[in-house]
Amino acid sequence: MNEMNIGISWVTIIFQIANTLILIGFVALFFYLVFKVLKSIKKTAKIENKVNDLEKSIQNLENQINK
């Protein structure tokens, strides 16, 4: 009877370790996805800045042509 309890406790410990690793995996995946989204937003902001700079340059060229 005592050996049975030890066996069950080992199974319980193994399942607890597995659950902990799964939880750590999900937390890591969450932070990875958040990092990817933030990086994408940063890249989009850089592209928007470049587009704005190009629009200003075009406007300046149009003003010079119209003078």
PDB file of N, CA and C in Angstrom:
ATOM      1  N   MET A   1       0.831  -1.198   0.000  1.00  0.00           N
ATOM      2  CA  MET A   1       0.000   0.000   0.000  1.00  0.00           C
ATOM      3  C   MET A   1       0.871   1.256   0.000  1.00  0.00           C
ATOM      4  N   ASN A   2       1.959   1.194   0.764  1.00  0.00           N
ATOM      5  CA  ASN A   2       2.845   2.341   0.838  1.00  0.00           C
ATOM      6  C   ASN A   2       3.514   2.614  -0.508  1.00  0.00           C
ATOM      7  N   GLU A   3       3.918   1.555  -1.223  1.00  0.00           N
ATOM      8  CA  GLU A   3       4.547   1.722  -2.533  1.00  0.00           C
ATOM      9  C   GLU A   3       3.577   2.343  -3.531  1.00  0.00           C
ATOM     10  N   MET A   4       2.306   2.003  -3.416  1.00  0.00           N
ATOM     11  CA  MET A   4       1.288   2.556  -4.302  1.00  0.00           C
ATOM     12  C   MET A   4       1.201   4.073  -4.116  1.00  0.00           C
ATOM     13  N   ASN A   5       1.215   4.522  -2.866  1.00  0.00           N
ATOM     14  CA  ASN A   5       1.157   5.955  -2.591  1.00  0.00           C
ATOM     15  C   ASN A   5       2.386   6.664  -3.151  1.00  0.00           C
ATOM     16  N   ILE A   6       3.556   6.042  -3.032  1.00  0.00           N
ATOM     17  CA  ILE A   6       4.777   6.634  -3.579  1.00  0.00           C
ATOM     18  C   ILE A   6       4.663   6.732  -5.098  1.00  0.00           C
ATOM     19  N   GLY A   7       4.131   5.687  -5.733  1.00  0.00           N
ATOM     20  CA  GLY A   7       3.952   5.715  -7.185  1.00  0.00           C
ATOM     21  C   GLY A   7       3.008   6.818  -7.612  1.00  0.00           C
ATOM     22  N   ILE A   8       1.920   6.973  -6.896  1.00  0.00           N
ATOM     23  CA  ILE A   8       0.958   8.028  -7.228  1.00  0.00           C
ATOM     24  C   ILE A   8       1.596   9.396  -7.034  1.00  0.00           C
ATOM     25  N   SER A   9       2.383   9.552  -5.985  1.00  0.00           N
ATOM     26  CA  SER A   9       3.001  10.854  -5.758  1.00  0.00           C
ATOM     27  C   SER A   9       4.013  11.179  -6.862  1.00  0.00           C
ATOM     28  N   TRP A  10       4.733  10.162  -7.366  1.00  0.00           N
ATOM     29  CA  TRP A  10       5.659  10.424  -8.473  1.00  0.00           C
ATOM     30  C   TRP A  10       4.897  10.839  -9.721  1.00  0.00           C
ATOM     31  N   VAL A  11       3.779  10.168  -9.984  1.00  0.00           N
ATOM     32  CA  VAL A  11       2.955  10.548 -11.140  1.00  0.00           C
ATOM     33  C   VAL A  11       2.447  11.974 -10.970  1.00  0.00           C
ATOM     34  N   THR A  12       2.016  12.292  -9.765  1.00  0.00           N
ATOM     35  CA  THR A  12       1.533  13.648  -9.490  1.00  0.00           C
ATOM     36  C   THR A  12       2.640  14.667  -9.706  1.00  0.00           C
ATOM     37  N   ILE A  13       3.831  14.355  -9.228  1.00  0.00           N
ATOM     38  CA  ILE A  13       4.967  15.269  -9.405  1.00  0.00           C
ATOM     39  C   ILE A  13       5.278  15.443 -10.886  1.00  0.00           C
ATOM     40  N   ILE A  14       5.259  14.358 -11.641  1.00  0.00           N
ATOM     41  CA  ILE A  14       5.545  14.448 -13.079  1.00  0.00           C
ATOM     42  C   ILE A  14       4.497  15.318 -13.770  1.00  0.00           C
ATOM     43  N   PHE A  15       3.211  15.134 -13.420  1.00  0.00           N
ATOM     44  CA  PHE A  15       2.159  15.951 -14.023  1.00  0.00           C
ATOM     45  C   PHE A  15       2.293  17.414 -13.620  1.00  0.00           C
ATOM     46  N   GLN A  16       2.679  17.677 -12.391  1.00  0.00           N
ATOM     47  CA  GLN A  16       2.869  19.064 -11.965  1.00  0.00           C
ATOM     48  C   GLN A  16       4.014  19.711 -12.728  1.00  0.00           C
ATOM     49  N   ILE A  17       5.096  18.971 -12.924  1.00  0.00           N
ATOM     50  CA  ILE A  17       6.225  19.500 -13.698  1.00  0.00           C
ATOM     51  C   ILE A  17       5.790  19.768 -15.134  1.00  0.00           C
ATOM     52  N   ALA A  18       5.036  18.826 -15.718  1.00  0.00           N
ATOM     53  CA  ALA A  18       4.562  19.005 -17.094  1.00  0.00           C
ATOM     54  C   ALA A  18       3.652  20.224 -17.199  1.00  0.00           C
ATOM     55  N   ASN A  19       2.742  20.380 -16.249  1.00  0.00           N
ATOM     56  CA  ASN A  19       1.846  21.541 -16.265  1.00  0.00           C
ATOM     57  C   ASN A  19       2.626  22.839 -16.122  1.00  0.00           C
ATOM     58  N   THR A  20       3.631  22.836 -15.268  1.00  0.00           N
ATOM     59  CA  THR A  20       4.459  24.029 -15.097  1.00  0.00           C
ATOM     60  C   THR A  20       5.194  24.372 -16.385  1.00  0.00           C
ATOM     61  N   LEU A  21       5.747  23.362 -17.047  1.00  0.00           N
ATOM     62  CA  LEU A  21       6.455  23.613 -18.308  1.00  0.00           C
ATOM     63  C   LEU A  21       5.506  24.125 -19.383  1.00  0.00           C
ATOM     64  N   ILE A  22       4.301  23.566 -19.433  1.00  0.00           N
ATOM     65  CA  ILE A  22       3.310  24.044 -20.406  1.00  0.00           C
ATOM     66  C   ILE A  22       2.952  25.496 -20.119  1.00  0.00           C
ATOM     67  N   LEU A  23       2.760  25.826 -18.850  1.00  0.00           N
ATOM     68  CA  LEU A  23       2.435  27.203 -18.475  1.00  0.00           C
ATOM     69  C   LEU A  23       3.571  28.149 -18.858  1.00  0.00           C
ATOM     70  N   ILE A  24       4.800  27.752 -18.576  1.00  0.00           N
ATOM     71  CA  ILE A  24       5.957  28.571 -18.952  1.00  0.00           C
ATOM     72  C   ILE A  24       6.000  28.746 -20.468  1.00  0.00           C
ATOM     73  N   GLY A  25       5.687  27.689 -21.208  1.00  0.00           N
ATOM     74  CA  GLY A  25       5.661  27.773 -22.669  1.00  0.00           C
ATOM     75  C   GLY A  25       4.629  28.767 -23.159  1.00  0.00           C
ATOM     76  N   PHE A  26       3.429  28.741 -22.570  1.00  0.00           N
ATOM     77  CA  PHE A  26       2.389  29.683 -22.991  1.00  0.00           C
ATOM     78  C   PHE A  26       2.771  31.116 -22.645  1.00  0.00           C
ATOM     79  N   VAL A  27       3.367  31.329 -21.487  1.00  0.00           N
ATOM     80  CA  VAL A  27       3.804  32.680 -21.110  1.00  0.00           C
ATOM     81  C   VAL A  27       4.884  33.167 -22.075  1.00  0.00           C
ATOM     82  N   ALA A  28       5.828  32.290 -22.416  1.00  0.00           N
ATOM     83  CA  ALA A  28       6.884  32.666 -23.359  1.00  0.00           C
ATOM     84  C   ALA A  28       6.288  32.979 -24.727  1.00  0.00           C
ATOM     85  N   LEU A  29       5.327  32.178 -25.172  1.00  0.00           N
ATOM     86  CA  LEU A  29       4.668  32.424 -26.458  1.00  0.00           C
ATOM     87  C   LEU A  29       3.941  33.761 -26.441  1.00  0.00           C
ATOM     88  N   PHE A  30       3.267  34.073 -25.334  1.00  0.00           N
ATOM     89  CA  PHE A  30       2.563  35.345 -25.211  1.00  0.00           C
ATOM     90  C   PHE A  30       3.534  36.518 -25.342  1.00  0.00           C
ATOM     91  N   PHE A  31       4.652  36.463 -24.609  1.00  0.00           N
ATOM     92  CA  PHE A  31       5.616  37.561 -24.681  1.00  0.00           C
ATOM     93  C   PHE A  31       6.248  37.649 -26.064  1.00  0.00           C
ATOM     94  N   TYR A  32       6.487  36.511 -26.700  1.00  0.00           N
ATOM     95  CA  TYR A  32       7.038  36.500 -28.057  1.00  0.00           C
ATOM     96  C   TYR A  32       6.083  37.193 -29.028  1.00  0.00           C
ATOM     97  N   LEU A  33       4.793  36.869 -28.918  1.00  0.00           N
ATOM     98  CA  LEU A  33       3.812  37.485 -29.818  1.00  0.00           C
ATOM     99  C   LEU A  33       3.673  38.982 -29.546  1.00  0.00           C
ATOM    100  N   VAL A  34       3.684  39.380 -28.279  1.00  0.00           N
ATOM    101  CA  VAL A  34       3.624  40.808 -27.950  1.00  0.00           C
ATOM    102  C   VAL A  34       4.833  41.525 -28.536  1.00  0.00           C
ATOM    103  N   PHE A  35       6.024  40.916 -28.413  1.00  0.00           N
ATOM    104  CA  PHE A  35       7.238  41.511 -28.968  1.00  0.00           C
ATOM    105  C   PHE A  35       7.120  41.666 -30.483  1.00  0.00           C
ATOM    106  N   LYS A  36       6.583  40.628 -31.164  1.00  0.00           N
ATOM    107  CA  LYS A  36       6.428  40.695 -32.618  1.00  0.00           C
ATOM    108  C   LYS A  36       5.472  41.819 -33.014  1.00  0.00           C
ATOM    109  N   VAL A  37       4.365  41.963 -32.278  1.00  0.00           N
ATOM    110  CA  VAL A  37       3.390  43.010 -32.586  1.00  0.00           C
ATOM    111  C   VAL A  37       4.018  44.387 -32.390  1.00  0.00           C
ATOM    112  N   LEU A  38       4.752  44.569 -31.292  1.00  0.00           N
ATOM    113  CA  LEU A  38       5.388  45.866 -31.049  1.00  0.00           C
ATOM    114  C   LEU A  38       6.418  46.181 -32.127  1.00  0.00           C
ATOM    115  N   LYS A  39       7.172  45.160 -32.557  1.00  0.00           N
ATOM    116  CA  LYS A  39       8.158  45.357 -33.611  1.00  0.00           C
ATOM    117  C   LYS A  39       7.469  45.747 -34.919  1.00  0.00           C
ATOM    118  N   SER A  40       6.335  45.123 -35.205  1.00  0.00           N
ATOM    119  CA  SER A  40       5.576  45.427 -36.412  1.00  0.00           C
ATOM    120  C   SER A  40       5.043  46.859 -36.365  1.00  0.00           C
ATOM    121  N   ILE A  41       4.556  47.274 -35.197  1.00  0.00           N
ATOM    122  CA  ILE A  41       4.055  48.645 -35.050  1.00  0.00           C
ATOM    123  C   ILE A  41       5.190  49.638 -35.260  1.00  0.00           C
ATOM    124  N   LYS A  42       6.364  49.330 -34.720  1.00  0.00           N
ATOM    125  CA  LYS A  42       7.524  50.211 -34.883  1.00  0.00           C
ATOM    126  C   LYS A  42       7.902  50.329 -36.355  1.00  0.00           C
ATOM    127  N   LYS A  43       7.891  49.193 -37.074  1.00  0.00           N
ATOM    128  CA  LYS A  43       8.226  49.197 -38.493  1.00  0.00           C
ATOM    129  C   LYS A  43       7.204  50.021 -39.281  1.00  0.00           C
ATOM    130  N   THR A  44       5.922  49.887 -38.930  1.00  0.00           N
ATOM    131  CA  THR A  44       4.866  50.647 -39.598  1.00  0.00           C
ATOM    132  C   THR A  44       5.061  52.143 -39.363  1.00  0.00           C
ATOM    133  N   ALA A  45       5.433  52.517 -38.151  1.00  0.00           N
ATOM    134  CA  ALA A  45       5.659  53.928 -37.838  1.00  0.00           C
ATOM    135  C   ALA A  45       6.823  54.477 -38.658  1.00  0.00           C
ATOM    136  N   LYS A  46       7.891  53.682 -38.827  1.00  0.00           N
ATOM    137  CA  LYS A  46       9.022  54.129 -39.642  1.00  0.00           C
ATOM    138  C   LYS A  46       8.589  54.354 -41.084  1.00  0.00           C
ATOM    139  N   ILE A  47       7.769  53.431 -41.618  1.00  0.00           N
ATOM    140  CA  ILE A  47       7.294  53.568 -42.997  1.00  0.00           C
ATOM    141  C   ILE A  47       6.434  54.819 -43.127  1.00  0.00           C
ATOM    142  N   GLU A  48       5.563  55.072 -42.145  1.00  0.00           N
ATOM    143  CA  GLU A  48       4.726  56.271 -42.180  1.00  0.00           C
ATOM    144  C   GLU A  48       5.584  57.531 -42.163  1.00  0.00           C
ATOM    145  N   ASN A  49       6.651  57.541 -41.373  1.00  0.00           N
ATOM    146  CA  ASN A  49       7.545  58.702 -41.342  1.00  0.00           C
ATOM    147  C   ASN A  49       8.201  58.921 -42.697  1.00  0.00           C
ATOM    148  N   LYS A  50       8.628  57.831 -43.345  1.00  0.00           N
ATOM    149  CA  LYS A  50       9.243  57.959 -44.662  1.00  0.00           C
ATOM    150  C   LYS A  50       8.244  58.487 -45.681  1.00  0.00           C
ATOM    151  N   VAL A  51       7.001  58.006 -45.613  1.00  0.00           N
ATOM    152  CA  VAL A  51       5.959  58.486 -46.528  1.00  0.00           C
ATOM    153  C   VAL A  51       5.712  59.973 -46.299  1.00  0.00           C
ATOM    154  N   ASN A  52       5.651  60.388 -45.036  1.00  0.00           N
ATOM    155  CA  ASN A  52       5.446  61.808 -44.736  1.00  0.00           C
ATOM    156  C   ASN A  52       6.601  62.648 -45.270  1.00  0.00           C
ATOM    157  N   ASP A  53       7.832  62.157 -45.115  1.00  0.00           N
ATOM    158  CA  ASP A  53       8.991  62.880 -45.641  1.00  0.00           C
ATOM    159  C   ASP A  53       8.912  62.997 -47.156  1.00  0.00           C
ATOM    160  N   LEU A  54       8.514  61.920 -47.825  1.00  0.00           N
ATOM    161  CA  LEU A  54       8.379  61.963 -49.284  1.00  0.00           C
ATOM    162  C   LEU A  54       7.289  62.943 -49.703  1.00  0.00           C
ATOM    163  N   GLU A  55       6.179  62.965 -48.983  1.00  0.00           N
ATOM    164  CA  GLU A  55       5.107  63.908 -49.307  1.00  0.00           C
ATOM    165  C   GLU A  55       5.591  65.349 -49.155  1.00  0.00           C
ATOM    166  N   LYS A  56       6.366  65.622 -48.103  1.00  0.00           N
ATOM    167  CA  LYS A  56       6.913  66.971 -47.918  1.00  0.00           C
ATOM    168  C   LYS A  56       7.870  67.323 -49.051  1.00  0.00           C
ATOM    169  N   SER A  57       8.705  66.364 -49.447  1.00  0.00           N
ATOM    170  CA  SER A  57       9.646  66.608 -50.541  1.00  0.00           C
ATOM    171  C   SER A  57       8.902  66.896 -51.838  1.00  0.00           C
ATOM    172  N   ILE A  58       7.863  66.127 -52.107  1.00  0.00           N
ATOM    173  CA  ILE A  58       7.064  66.356 -53.325  1.00  0.00           C
ATOM    174  C   ILE A  58       6.413  67.729 -53.271  1.00  0.00           C
ATOM    175  N   GLN A  59       5.882  68.097 -52.116  1.00  0.00           N
ATOM    176  CA  GLN A  59       5.252  69.411 -51.966  1.00  0.00           C
ATOM    177  C   GLN A  59       6.281  70.522 -52.199  1.00  0.00           C
ATOM    178  N   ASN A  60       7.494  70.353 -51.658  1.00  0.00           N
ATOM    179  CA  ASN A  60       8.545  71.354 -51.867  1.00  0.00           C
ATOM    180  C   ASN A  60       8.914  71.456 -53.337  1.00  0.00           C
ATOM    181  N   LEU A  61       9.025  70.316 -54.015  1.00  0.00           N
ATOM    182  CA  LEU A  61       9.342  70.333 -55.443  1.00  0.00           C
ATOM    183  C   LEU A  61       8.233  71.004 -56.241  1.00  0.00           C
ATOM    184  N   GLU A  62       6.984  70.724 -55.904  1.00  0.00           N
ATOM    185  CA  GLU A  62       5.863  71.371 -56.599  1.00  0.00           C
ATOM    186  C   GLU A  62       5.894  72.875 -56.376  1.00  0.00           C
ATOM    187  N   ASN A  63       6.209  73.294 -55.153  1.00  0.00           N
ATOM    188  CA  ASN A  63       6.292  74.728 -54.865  1.00  0.00           C
ATOM    189  C   ASN A  63       7.412  75.377 -55.670  1.00  0.00           C
ATOM    190  N   GLN A  64       8.562  74.689 -55.794  1.00  0.00           N
ATOM    191  CA  GLN A  64       9.673  75.238 -56.569  1.00  0.00           C
ATOM    192  C   GLN A  64       9.319  75.327 -58.049  1.00  0.00           C
ATOM    193  N   ILE A  65       8.602  74.323 -58.553  1.00  0.00           N
ATOM    194  CA  ILE A  65       8.210  74.335 -59.969  1.00  0.00           C
ATOM    195  C   ILE A  65       7.218  75.458 -60.230  1.00  0.00           C
ATOM    196  N   ASN A  66       6.301  75.687 -59.310  1.00  0.00           N
ATOM    197  CA  ASN A  66       5.257  76.698 -59.503  1.00  0.00           C
ATOM    198  C   ASN A  66       5.787  78.121 -59.347  1.00  0.00           C
ATOM    199  N   LYS A  67       6.966  78.296 -58.768  1.00  0.00           N
ATOM    200  CA  LYS A  67       7.516  79.652 -58.584  1.00  0.00           C
ATOM    201  C   LYS A  67       7.954  80.258 -59.855  1.00  0.00           C
TER     202      LYS A  67
END
